Amino acid sequence: MSETFVDARGLKCPWPALRLAKEMRSAARVRIAADDPQVSSEFRMLATEQGWSIQELDGEYVVERPLVANS
């Protein structure tokens, strides 16, 4: 699965979450770097609302949409 990278460092909330939402429209997996102190809770709320999984790794976040099995 290919991964899209977004550098949102230096942006204040809500801009990193908006960048994430925009990229997730066309990507199944996004890695995003952000340094605003509010970003963790913003990303987690957005991921929960959209049904995405999220992991924090060394100051970056990896967000994925769930895989849909072919029936």
PDB file of N, CA and C in Angstrom:
ATOM      1  N   MET A   1       0.859  -1.173   0.000  1.00  0.00           N
ATOM      2  CA  MET A   1       0.000   0.000   0.000  1.00  0.00           C
ATOM      3  C   MET A   1       0.903   1.233   0.000  1.00  0.00           C
ATOM      4  N   SER A   2       0.639   2.145  -0.901  1.00  0.00           N
ATOM      5  CA  SER A   2       1.448   3.353  -0.950  1.00  0.00           C
ATOM      6  C   SER A   2       1.044   4.300   0.170  1.00  0.00           C
ATOM      7  N   GLU A   3       1.966   5.160   0.511  1.00  0.00           N
ATOM      8  CA  GLU A   3       1.774   6.068   1.632  1.00  0.00           C
ATOM      9  C   GLU A   3       2.018   7.501   1.162  1.00  0.00           C
ATOM     10  N   THR A   4       1.171   8.411   1.598  1.00  0.00           N
ATOM     11  CA  THR A   4       1.337   9.828   1.306  1.00  0.00           C
ATOM     12  C   THR A   4       1.926  10.484   2.542  1.00  0.00           C
ATOM     13  N   PHE A   5       2.896  11.379   2.347  1.00  0.00           N
ATOM     14  CA  PHE A   5       3.493  12.097   3.471  1.00  0.00           C
ATOM     15  C   PHE A   5       3.074  13.561   3.418  1.00  0.00           C
ATOM     16  N   VAL A   6       2.686  14.101   4.576  1.00  0.00           N
ATOM     17  CA  VAL A   6       2.315  15.509   4.700  1.00  0.00           C
ATOM     18  C   VAL A   6       3.166  16.114   5.807  1.00  0.00           C
ATOM     19  N   ASP A   7       3.832  17.219   5.511  1.00  0.00           N
ATOM     20  CA  ASP A   7       4.595  17.951   6.525  1.00  0.00           C
ATOM     21  C   ASP A   7       3.752  19.137   6.989  1.00  0.00           C
ATOM     22  N   ALA A   8       3.143  18.994   8.155  1.00  0.00           N
ATOM     23  CA  ALA A   8       2.292  20.050   8.707  1.00  0.00           C
ATOM     24  C   ALA A   8       2.962  20.724   9.903  1.00  0.00           C
ATOM     25  N   ARG A   9       4.270  20.555  10.035  1.00  0.00           N
ATOM     26  CA  ARG A   9       4.995  21.207  11.132  1.00  0.00           C
ATOM     27  C   ARG A   9       4.933  22.716  10.950  1.00  0.00           C
ATOM     28  N   GLY A  10       4.716  23.407  12.062  1.00  0.00           N
ATOM     29  CA  GLY A  10       4.622  24.861  12.018  1.00  0.00           C
ATOM     30  C   GLY A  10       3.197  25.359  11.823  1.00  0.00           C
ATOM     31  N   LEU A  11       2.282  24.466  11.464  1.00  0.00           N
ATOM     32  CA  LEU A  11       0.883  24.863  11.300  1.00  0.00           C
ATOM     33  C   LEU A  11       0.146  24.692  12.622  1.00  0.00           C
ATOM     34  N   LYS A  12      -0.723  25.611  12.933  1.00  0.00           N
ATOM     35  CA  LYS A  12      -1.522  25.556  14.156  1.00  0.00           C
ATOM     36  C   LYS A  12      -2.875  24.932  13.845  1.00  0.00           C
ATOM     37  N   CYS A  13      -3.419  24.236  14.835  1.00  0.00           N
ATOM     38  CA  CYS A  13      -4.746  23.627  14.676  1.00  0.00           C
ATOM     39  C   CYS A  13      -5.766  24.712  14.397  1.00  0.00           C
ATOM     40  N   PRO A  14      -6.657  24.436  13.488  1.00  0.00           N
ATOM     41  CA  PRO A  14      -7.061  23.144  12.921  1.00  0.00           C
ATOM     42  C   PRO A  14      -6.384  22.779  11.607  1.00  0.00           C
ATOM     43  N   TRP A  15      -5.406  23.544  11.143  1.00  0.00           N
ATOM     44  CA  TRP A  15      -4.829  23.311   9.820  1.00  0.00           C
ATOM     45  C   TRP A  15      -4.232  21.925   9.617  1.00  0.00           C
ATOM     46  N   PRO A  16      -3.484  21.354  10.577  1.00  0.00           N
ATOM     47  CA  PRO A  16      -2.980  19.990  10.340  1.00  0.00           C
ATOM     48  C   PRO A  16      -4.104  18.973  10.136  1.00  0.00           C
ATOM     49  N   ALA A  17      -5.188  19.077  10.907  1.00  0.00           N
ATOM     50  CA  ALA A  17      -6.318  18.155  10.758  1.00  0.00           C
ATOM     51  C   ALA A  17      -7.000  18.350   9.409  1.00  0.00           C
ATOM     52  N   LEU A  18      -7.085  19.577   8.953  1.00  0.00           N
ATOM     53  CA  LEU A  18      -7.674  19.837   7.639  1.00  0.00           C
ATOM     54  C   LEU A  18      -6.808  19.253   6.524  1.00  0.00           C
ATOM     55  N   ARG A  19      -5.494  19.374   6.661  1.00  0.00           N
ATOM     56  CA  ARG A  19      -4.579  18.775   5.667  1.00  0.00           C
ATOM     57  C   ARG A  19      -4.714  17.264   5.651  1.00  0.00           C
ATOM     58  N   LEU A  20      -4.831  16.666   6.849  1.00  0.00           N
ATOM     59  CA  LEU A  20      -5.006  15.222   6.942  1.00  0.00           C
ATOM     60  C   LEU A  20      -6.301  14.800   6.257  1.00  0.00           C
ATOM     61  N   ALA A  21      -7.391  15.471   6.570  1.00  0.00           N
ATOM     62  CA  ALA A  21      -8.687  15.128   5.973  1.00  0.00           C
ATOM     63  C   ALA A  21      -8.639  15.236   4.453  1.00  0.00           C
ATOM     64  N   LYS A  22      -7.982  16.260   3.948  1.00  0.00           N
ATOM     65  CA  LYS A  22      -7.873  16.442   2.497  1.00  0.00           C
ATOM     66  C   LYS A  22      -7.107  15.283   1.853  1.00  0.00           C
ATOM     67  N   GLU A  23      -5.992  14.896   2.439  1.00  0.00           N
ATOM     68  CA  GLU A  23      -5.185  13.803   1.872  1.00  0.00           C
ATOM     69  C   GLU A  23      -5.904  12.469   1.957  1.00  0.00           C
ATOM     70  N   MET A  24      -6.671  12.252   3.022  1.00  0.00           N
ATOM     71  CA  MET A  24      -7.367  10.978   3.191  1.00  0.00           C
ATOM     72  C   MET A  24      -8.516  10.807   2.194  1.00  0.00           C
ATOM     73  N   ARG A  25      -8.911  11.870   1.510  1.00  0.00           N
ATOM     74  CA  ARG A  25      -9.936  11.725   0.465  1.00  0.00           C
ATOM     75  C   ARG A  25      -9.460  10.818  -0.659  1.00  0.00           C
ATOM     76  N   SER A  26      -8.147  10.862  -0.943  1.00  0.00           N
ATOM     77  CA  SER A  26      -7.625  10.103  -2.081  1.00  0.00           C
ATOM     78  C   SER A  26      -6.573   9.066  -1.697  1.00  0.00           C
ATOM     79  N   ALA A  27      -6.214   8.978  -0.436  1.00  0.00           N
ATOM     80  CA  ALA A  27      -5.180   8.032  -0.005  1.00  0.00           C
ATOM     81  C   ALA A  27      -5.762   7.069   1.021  1.00  0.00           C
ATOM     82  N   ALA A  28      -5.218   5.867   1.034  1.00  0.00           N
ATOM     83  CA  ALA A  28      -5.635   4.883   2.034  1.00  0.00           C
ATOM     84  C   ALA A  28      -4.771   4.964   3.277  1.00  0.00           C
ATOM     85  N   ARG A  29      -3.583   5.571   3.127  1.00  0.00           N
ATOM     86  CA  ARG A  29      -2.641   5.675   4.253  1.00  0.00           C
ATOM     87  C   ARG A  29      -1.893   6.999   4.141  1.00  0.00           C
ATOM     88  N   VAL A  30      -1.872   7.757   5.238  1.00  0.00           N
ATOM     89  CA  VAL A  30      -1.180   9.048   5.271  1.00  0.00           C
ATOM     90  C   VAL A  30      -0.269   9.075   6.493  1.00  0.00           C
ATOM     91  N   ARG A  31       0.971   9.493   6.262  1.00  0.00           N
ATOM     92  CA  ARG A  31       1.906   9.759   7.358  1.00  0.00           C
ATOM     93  C   ARG A  31       2.030  11.271   7.424  1.00  0.00           C
ATOM     94  N   ILE A  32       1.794  11.840   8.613  1.00  0.00           N
ATOM     95  CA  ILE A  32       1.784  13.287   8.744  1.00  0.00           C
ATOM     96  C   ILE A  32       2.636  13.708   9.933  1.00  0.00           C
ATOM     97  N   ALA A  33       3.495  14.685   9.709  1.00  0.00           N
ATOM     98  CA  ALA A  33       4.324  15.255  10.770  1.00  0.00           C
ATOM     99  C   ALA A  33       3.695  16.582  11.183  1.00  0.00           C
ATOM    100  N   ALA A  34       3.458  16.727  12.475  1.00  0.00           N
ATOM    101  CA  ALA A  34       2.846  17.957  12.988  1.00  0.00           C
ATOM    102  C   ALA A  34       3.370  18.205  14.402  1.00  0.00           C
ATOM    103  N   ASP A  35       3.531  19.479  14.754  1.00  0.00           N
ATOM    104  CA  ASP A  35       4.106  19.786  16.057  1.00  0.00           C
ATOM    105  C   ASP A  35       3.243  20.673  16.950  1.00  0.00           C
ATOM    106  N   ASP A  36       2.026  20.970  16.553  1.00  0.00           N
ATOM    107  CA  ASP A  36       1.123  21.736  17.414  1.00  0.00           C
ATOM    108  C   ASP A  36       0.736  20.851  18.606  1.00  0.00           C
ATOM    109  N   PRO A  37       0.737  21.393  19.833  1.00  0.00           N
ATOM    110  CA  PRO A  37       0.406  20.575  21.008  1.00  0.00           C
ATOM    111  C   PRO A  37      -1.008  19.985  20.985  1.00  0.00           C
ATOM    112  N   GLN A  38      -1.922  20.590  20.247  1.00  0.00           N
ATOM    113  CA  GLN A  38      -3.305  20.108  20.187  1.00  0.00           C
ATOM    114  C   GLN A  38      -3.517  19.016  19.139  1.00  0.00           C
ATOM    115  N   VAL A  39      -2.515  18.778  18.307  1.00  0.00           N
ATOM    116  CA  VAL A  39      -2.717  17.926  17.135  1.00  0.00           C
ATOM    117  C   VAL A  39      -3.084  16.476  17.483  1.00  0.00           C
ATOM    118  N   SER A  40      -2.532  15.948  18.539  1.00  0.00           N
ATOM    119  CA  SER A  40      -2.828  14.566  18.898  1.00  0.00           C
ATOM    120  C   SER A  40      -4.323  14.358  19.136  1.00  0.00           C
ATOM    121  N   SER A  41      -4.928  15.210  19.921  1.00  0.00           N
ATOM    122  CA  SER A  41      -6.363  15.069  20.189  1.00  0.00           C
ATOM    123  C   SER A  41      -7.191  15.381  18.940  1.00  0.00           C
ATOM    124  N   GLU A  42      -6.770  16.361  18.142  1.00  0.00           N
ATOM    125  CA  GLU A  42      -7.491  16.695  16.899  1.00  0.00           C
ATOM    126  C   GLU A  42      -7.481  15.508  15.939  1.00  0.00           C
ATOM    127  N   PHE A  43      -6.308  14.902  15.740  1.00  0.00           N
ATOM    128  CA  PHE A  43      -6.189  13.767  14.830  1.00  0.00           C
ATOM    129  C   PHE A  43      -7.006  12.582  15.340  1.00  0.00           C
ATOM    130  N   ARG A  44      -6.944  12.328  16.636  1.00  0.00           N
ATOM    131  CA  ARG A  44      -7.675  11.186  17.199  1.00  0.00           C
ATOM    132  C   ARG A  44      -9.184  11.367  17.063  1.00  0.00           C
ATOM    133  N   MET A  45      -9.673  12.564  17.295  1.00  0.00           N
ATOM    134  CA  MET A  45     -11.114  12.817  17.131  1.00  0.00           C
ATOM    135  C   MET A  45     -11.530  12.627  15.675  1.00  0.00           C
ATOM    136  N   LEU A  46     -10.733  13.174  14.740  1.00  0.00           N
ATOM    137  CA  LEU A  46     -11.048  13.043  13.323  1.00  0.00           C
ATOM    138  C   LEU A  46     -11.026  11.570  12.903  1.00  0.00           C
ATOM    139  N   ALA A  47     -10.011  10.842  13.339  1.00  0.00           N
ATOM    140  CA  ALA A  47      -9.906   9.432  12.980  1.00  0.00           C
ATOM    141  C   ALA A  47     -11.090   8.637  13.528  1.00  0.00           C
ATOM    142  N   THR A  48     -11.488   8.915  14.746  1.00  0.00           N
ATOM    143  CA  THR A  48     -12.631   8.224  15.342  1.00  0.00           C
ATOM    144  C   THR A  48     -13.912   8.519  14.566  1.00  0.00           C
ATOM    145  N   GLU A  49     -14.118   9.776  14.217  1.00  0.00           N
ATOM    146  CA  GLU A  49     -15.317  10.165  13.461  1.00  0.00           C
ATOM    147  C   GLU A  49     -15.386   9.477  12.101  1.00  0.00           C
ATOM    148  N   GLN A  50     -14.221   9.307  11.473  1.00  0.00           N
ATOM    149  CA  GLN A  50     -14.177   8.762  10.107  1.00  0.00           C
ATOM    150  C   GLN A  50     -13.968   7.248  10.063  1.00  0.00           C
ATOM    151  N   GLY A  51     -13.693   6.626  11.202  1.00  0.00           N
ATOM    152  CA  GLY A  51     -13.452   5.185  11.224  1.00  0.00           C
ATOM    153  C   GLY A  51     -12.058   4.793  10.778  1.00  0.00           C
ATOM    154  N   TRP A  52     -11.103   5.711  10.882  1.00  0.00           N
ATOM    155  CA  TRP A  52      -9.712   5.444  10.502  1.00  0.00           C
ATOM    156  C   TRP A  52      -8.930   4.958  11.715  1.00  0.00           C
ATOM    157  N   SER A  53      -7.854   4.230  11.466  1.00  0.00           N
ATOM    158  CA  SER A  53      -6.936   3.871  12.546  1.00  0.00           C
ATOM    159  C   SER A  53      -5.810   4.901  12.557  1.00  0.00           C
ATOM    160  N   ILE A  54      -5.232   5.129  13.739  1.00  0.00           N
ATOM    161  CA  ILE A  54      -4.159   6.109  13.867  1.00  0.00           C
ATOM    162  C   ILE A  54      -3.111   5.584  14.837  1.00  0.00           C
ATOM    163  N   GLN A  55      -1.847   5.799  14.481  1.00  0.00           N
ATOM    164  CA  GLN A  55      -0.724   5.436  15.335  1.00  0.00           C
ATOM    165  C   GLN A  55       0.235   6.612  15.382  1.00  0.00           C
ATOM    166  N   GLU A  56       0.803   6.853  16.549  1.00  0.00           N
ATOM    167  CA  GLU A  56       1.827   7.891  16.677  1.00  0.00           C
ATOM    168  C   GLU A  56       3.188   7.221  16.720  1.00  0.00           C
ATOM    169  N   LEU A  57       4.098   7.673  15.859  1.00  0.00           N
ATOM    170  CA  LEU A  57       5.434   7.106  15.766  1.00  0.00           C
ATOM    171  C   LEU A  57       6.464   8.224  15.680  1.00  0.00           C
ATOM    172  N   ASP A  58       7.217   8.444  16.743  1.00  0.00           N
ATOM    173  CA  ASP A  58       8.298   9.429  16.737  1.00  0.00           C
ATOM    174  C   ASP A  58       7.862  10.817  16.271  1.00  0.00           C
ATOM    175  N   GLY A  59       6.764  11.312  16.798  1.00  0.00           N
ATOM    176  CA  GLY A  59       6.302  12.652  16.446  1.00  0.00           C
ATOM    177  C   GLY A  59       5.570  12.749  15.127  1.00  0.00           C
ATOM    178  N   GLU A  60       5.385  11.622  14.465  1.00  0.00           N
ATOM    179  CA  GLU A  60       4.591  11.571  13.244  1.00  0.00           C
ATOM    180  C   GLU A  60       3.404  10.653  13.489  1.00  0.00           C
ATOM    181  N   TYR A  61       2.389  10.830  12.691  1.00  0.00           N
ATOM    182  CA  TYR A  61       1.178  10.043  12.833  1.00  0.00           C
ATOM    183  C   TYR A  61       0.937   9.290  11.538  1.00  0.00           C
ATOM    184  N   VAL A  62       0.529   8.038  11.667  1.00  0.00           N
ATOM    185  CA  VAL A  62       0.177   7.223  10.508  1.00  0.00           C
ATOM    186  C   VAL A  62      -1.319   6.939  10.613  1.00  0.00           C
ATOM    187  N   VAL A  63      -2.047   7.362   9.599  1.00  0.00           N
ATOM    188  CA  VAL A  63      -3.498   7.222   9.585  1.00  0.00           C
ATOM    189  C   VAL A  63      -3.876   6.346   8.397  1.00  0.00           C
ATOM    190  N   GLU A  64      -4.732   5.356   8.663  1.00  0.00           N
ATOM    191  CA  GLU A  64      -5.147   4.427   7.614  1.00  0.00           C
ATOM    192  C   GLU A  64      -6.658   4.246   7.637  1.00  0.00           C
ATOM    193  N   ARG A  65      -7.191   4.094   6.456  1.00  0.00           N
ATOM    194  CA  ARG A  65      -8.616   3.724   6.387  1.00  0.00           C
ATOM    195  C   ARG A  65      -8.665   2.201   6.445  1.00  0.00           C
ATOM    196  N   PRO A  66      -9.766   1.635   6.951  1.00  0.00           N
ATOM    197  CA  PRO A  66      -9.859   0.176   7.070  1.00  0.00           C
ATOM    198  C   PRO A  66      -9.879  -0.495   5.710  1.00  0.00           C
ATOM    199  N   LEU A  67      -9.286  -1.669   5.647  1.00  0.00           N
ATOM    200  CA  LEU A  67      -9.318  -2.460   4.418  1.00  0.00           C
ATOM    201  C   LEU A  67     -10.699  -3.076   4.285  1.00  0.00           C
ATOM    202  N   VAL A  68     -11.213  -3.050   3.080  1.00  0.00           N
ATOM    203  CA  VAL A  68     -12.526  -3.642   2.798  1.00  0.00           C
ATOM    204  C   VAL A  68     -12.296  -4.930   2.021  1.00  0.00           C
ATOM    205  N   ALA A  69     -12.793  -6.010   2.574  1.00  0.00           N
ATOM    206  CA  ALA A  69     -12.620  -7.305   1.912  1.00  0.00           C
ATOM    207  C   ALA A  69     -13.555  -7.414   0.717  1.00  0.00           C
ATOM    208  N   ASN A  70     -13.042  -7.991  -0.366  1.00  0.00           N
ATOM    209  CA  ASN A  70     -13.890  -8.243  -1.539  1.00  0.00           C
ATOM    210  C   ASN A  70     -14.839  -9.389  -1.222  1.00  0.00           C
ATOM    211  N   SER A  71     -16.085  -9.230  -1.588  1.00  0.00           N
ATOM    212  CA  SER A  71     -17.030 -10.324  -1.302  1.00  0.00           C
ATOM    213  C   SER A  71     -17.515 -10.980  -2.559  1.00  0.00           C
TER     214      SER A  71
END
